[in-house]
Protein backbone atom coordinates (compact mmCIF):
# COMPACT_ATOMS: atom_id res chain seq x y z
CA MET A 1 28.66 7.93 43.39
CA PRO A 2 26.84 7.69 39.79
CA ARG A 3 25.12 10.43 38.56
CA LYS A 4 21.27 9.70 38.47
CA LYS A 5 19.78 10.18 34.47
CA PRO A 6 17.09 12.65 34.29
CA THR A 7 13.77 10.71 34.62
CA GLU A 8 15.21 9.08 37.94
CA LEU A 9 15.54 12.43 38.97
CA LYS A 10 12.59 14.05 38.38
CA SER A 11 10.15 10.64 39.56
CA GLY A 12 12.98 10.47 42.73
CA GLY A 13 13.46 6.53 42.02
CA ALA A 14 14.01 4.46 38.85
CA ALA A 15 11.92 5.08 35.69
CA PRO A 16 9.03 3.24 35.56
CA ALA A 17 8.39 0.27 33.34
CA PRO A 18 6.69 0.72 30.17
CA GLN A 19 2.72 -0.13 30.52
CA PRO A 20 1.69 -2.11 27.96
CA VAL A 21 -1.30 -0.88 25.26
CA SER A 22 -4.73 -1.20 26.19
CA ALA A 23 -6.38 0.37 23.14
CA TYR A 24 -4.97 -0.76 19.47
CA HIS A 25 -4.82 0.87 16.29
CA PRO A 26 -7.86 0.83 14.41
CA ALA A 27 -5.17 -0.79 11.86
CA ASP A 28 -4.26 -3.24 13.83
CA LEU A 29 -5.59 -6.54 13.47
CA ASN A 30 -4.28 -8.82 14.92
CA GLY A 31 -3.68 -6.60 18.08
CA ASP A 32 0.04 -6.90 18.31
CA GLY A 33 0.77 -3.27 18.36
CA MET A 34 2.76 -3.52 15.11
CA ILE A 35 1.29 -2.62 12.33
CA ASP A 36 3.03 -4.41 9.61
CA ALA A 37 2.65 -4.32 5.52
CA GLU A 38 -0.80 -6.14 5.24
CA GLU A 39 -2.36 -4.32 7.45
CA LYS A 40 -1.29 -0.61 6.13
CA ALA A 41 -2.33 -1.79 2.94
CA MET A 42 -5.88 -2.93 4.01
CA GLU A 43 -5.84 0.96 6.17
CA LEU A 44 -5.62 2.50 3.24
CA GLU A 45 -8.04 0.39 0.43
CA PHE A 46 -10.00 0.81 3.54
CA ARG A 47 -10.02 4.82 3.56
CA ARG A 48 -9.64 5.13 -0.57
CA LYS A 49 -13.24 3.28 -0.65
CA SER A 50 -15.02 4.98 2.23
CA LEU A 51 -13.55 8.21 0.16
CA GLU A 52 -14.90 6.78 -2.81
CA ASP A 53 -18.26 5.79 -1.05
CA GLN A 54 -18.66 9.57 0.03
CA ASP A 55 -17.62 11.21 -2.90
CA ALA A 56 -20.43 8.89 -4.68
CA MET A 57 -22.95 9.25 -2.10
CA ARG A 58 -22.73 13.37 -2.67
CA ASP A 59 -22.61 12.58 -6.46
CA ALA A 60 -26.37 10.70 -6.05
CA GLN A 61 -27.42 13.76 -3.55
CA ARG A 62 -26.27 16.47 -6.07
CA SER A 63 -28.18 14.40 -8.70
CA MET A 64 -31.58 13.96 -6.56
CA ALA A 65 -31.43 17.81 -5.75
CA TRP A 66 -30.95 19.46 -9.55
CA PHE A 67 -33.83 16.49 -10.73
CA ALA A 68 -35.89 17.45 -8.43
CA LEU A 69 -35.20 21.50 -8.98
CA ALA A 70 -36.03 20.69 -12.85
CA GLY A 71 -39.15 18.72 -11.71
CA MET A 72 -40.46 21.48 -10.09
CA LEU A 73 -39.47 23.64 -12.47
CA LEU A 74 -41.39 21.91 -15.64
CA TYR A 75 -44.66 21.22 -13.18
CA PRO A 76 -46.37 24.41 -14.11
CA PHE A 77 -45.31 23.52 -18.33
CA ALA A 78 -47.20 20.14 -17.68
CA VAL A 79 -50.32 22.01 -16.07
CA VAL A 80 -49.99 23.71 -19.61
CA LEU A 81 -49.76 21.04 -21.43
CA ALA A 82 -52.58 19.39 -20.08
CA VAL A 83 -54.93 22.21 -20.68
CA TRP A 84 -53.75 22.69 -23.82
CA LEU A 85 -54.03 19.16 -24.97
CA ALA A 86 -57.87 19.74 -23.44
CA LEU A 87 -57.07 17.31 -20.61
CA ASP A 88 -59.30 19.30 -18.06
CA GLN A 89 -59.11 16.26 -15.92
CA ALA A 90 -55.43 15.81 -15.53
CA ALA A 91 -54.78 19.79 -15.30
CA THR A 92 -57.24 19.57 -12.50
CA VAL A 93 -55.35 16.89 -11.06
CA LEU A 94 -51.98 17.88 -11.53
CA GLY A 95 -53.60 21.32 -9.81
CA SER A 96 -54.71 19.66 -6.53
CA MET A 97 -51.53 17.91 -6.07
CA ALA A 98 -49.24 21.22 -7.35
CA ALA A 99 -49.10 22.60 -2.83
CA THR A 100 -48.04 18.69 -1.87
CA TYR A 101 -46.09 18.80 -5.29
CA PHE A 102 -43.73 22.02 -4.34
CA VAL A 103 -43.75 21.60 -0.36
CA SER A 104 -42.38 18.12 -0.64
CA VAL A 105 -39.70 19.00 -3.66
CA ALA A 106 -39.23 22.22 -2.25
CA ALA A 107 -38.15 19.96 1.48
CA ILE A 108 -35.91 18.08 -0.66
CA VAL A 109 -33.49 20.75 -2.44
CA ALA A 110 -33.78 22.76 0.79
CA ALA A 111 -32.21 19.81 2.93
CA PHE A 112 -29.46 18.98 0.27
CA PHE A 113 -28.61 22.44 0.05
CA GLY A 114 -28.94 23.18 3.83
CA GLY A 115 -26.46 19.91 4.87
CA GLN A 116 -24.09 21.31 2.24
CA ALA A 117 -24.17 24.43 4.02
CA TYR A 118 -23.74 22.91 7.23
CA THR A 119 -20.77 20.56 5.81
CA GLN A 120 -18.72 23.64 4.37
CA SER A 121 -19.34 25.16 7.47
CA SER A 122 -17.93 22.25 10.11
CA SER A 123 -15.09 21.76 7.77
CA SER A 124 -14.03 25.35 7.66
CA LYS A 125 -14.50 25.64 11.42
CA LYS A 126 -11.53 22.47 11.90
CA ARG A 127 -8.92 24.04 9.74
């Protein structure tokens, strides 16, 4: 009597035939179940572009937050300058918009720094 293979011992019969995979890797563009050199190059290029886009987005958000913060710090100087140049109407308008301006800019800056803190805390939990 011939010896049985380990897979035959566990299942009690012949080893099951491999089943076709219904879901392919996203890099497998032609659906043949194999990732050839062209598909691999395209996937690597897509990932590189994605990383560049994320980096550009972070740079844009950072510059926006710093620009808003600088405007928030320079706003009182604009009011003082308007008073110094005897532009009473401009000083009144700048003074009346101050509350809305400071709340809006503070929300932008808080959203940026809050998003950065959330991103860093979620990435440190994954490690």
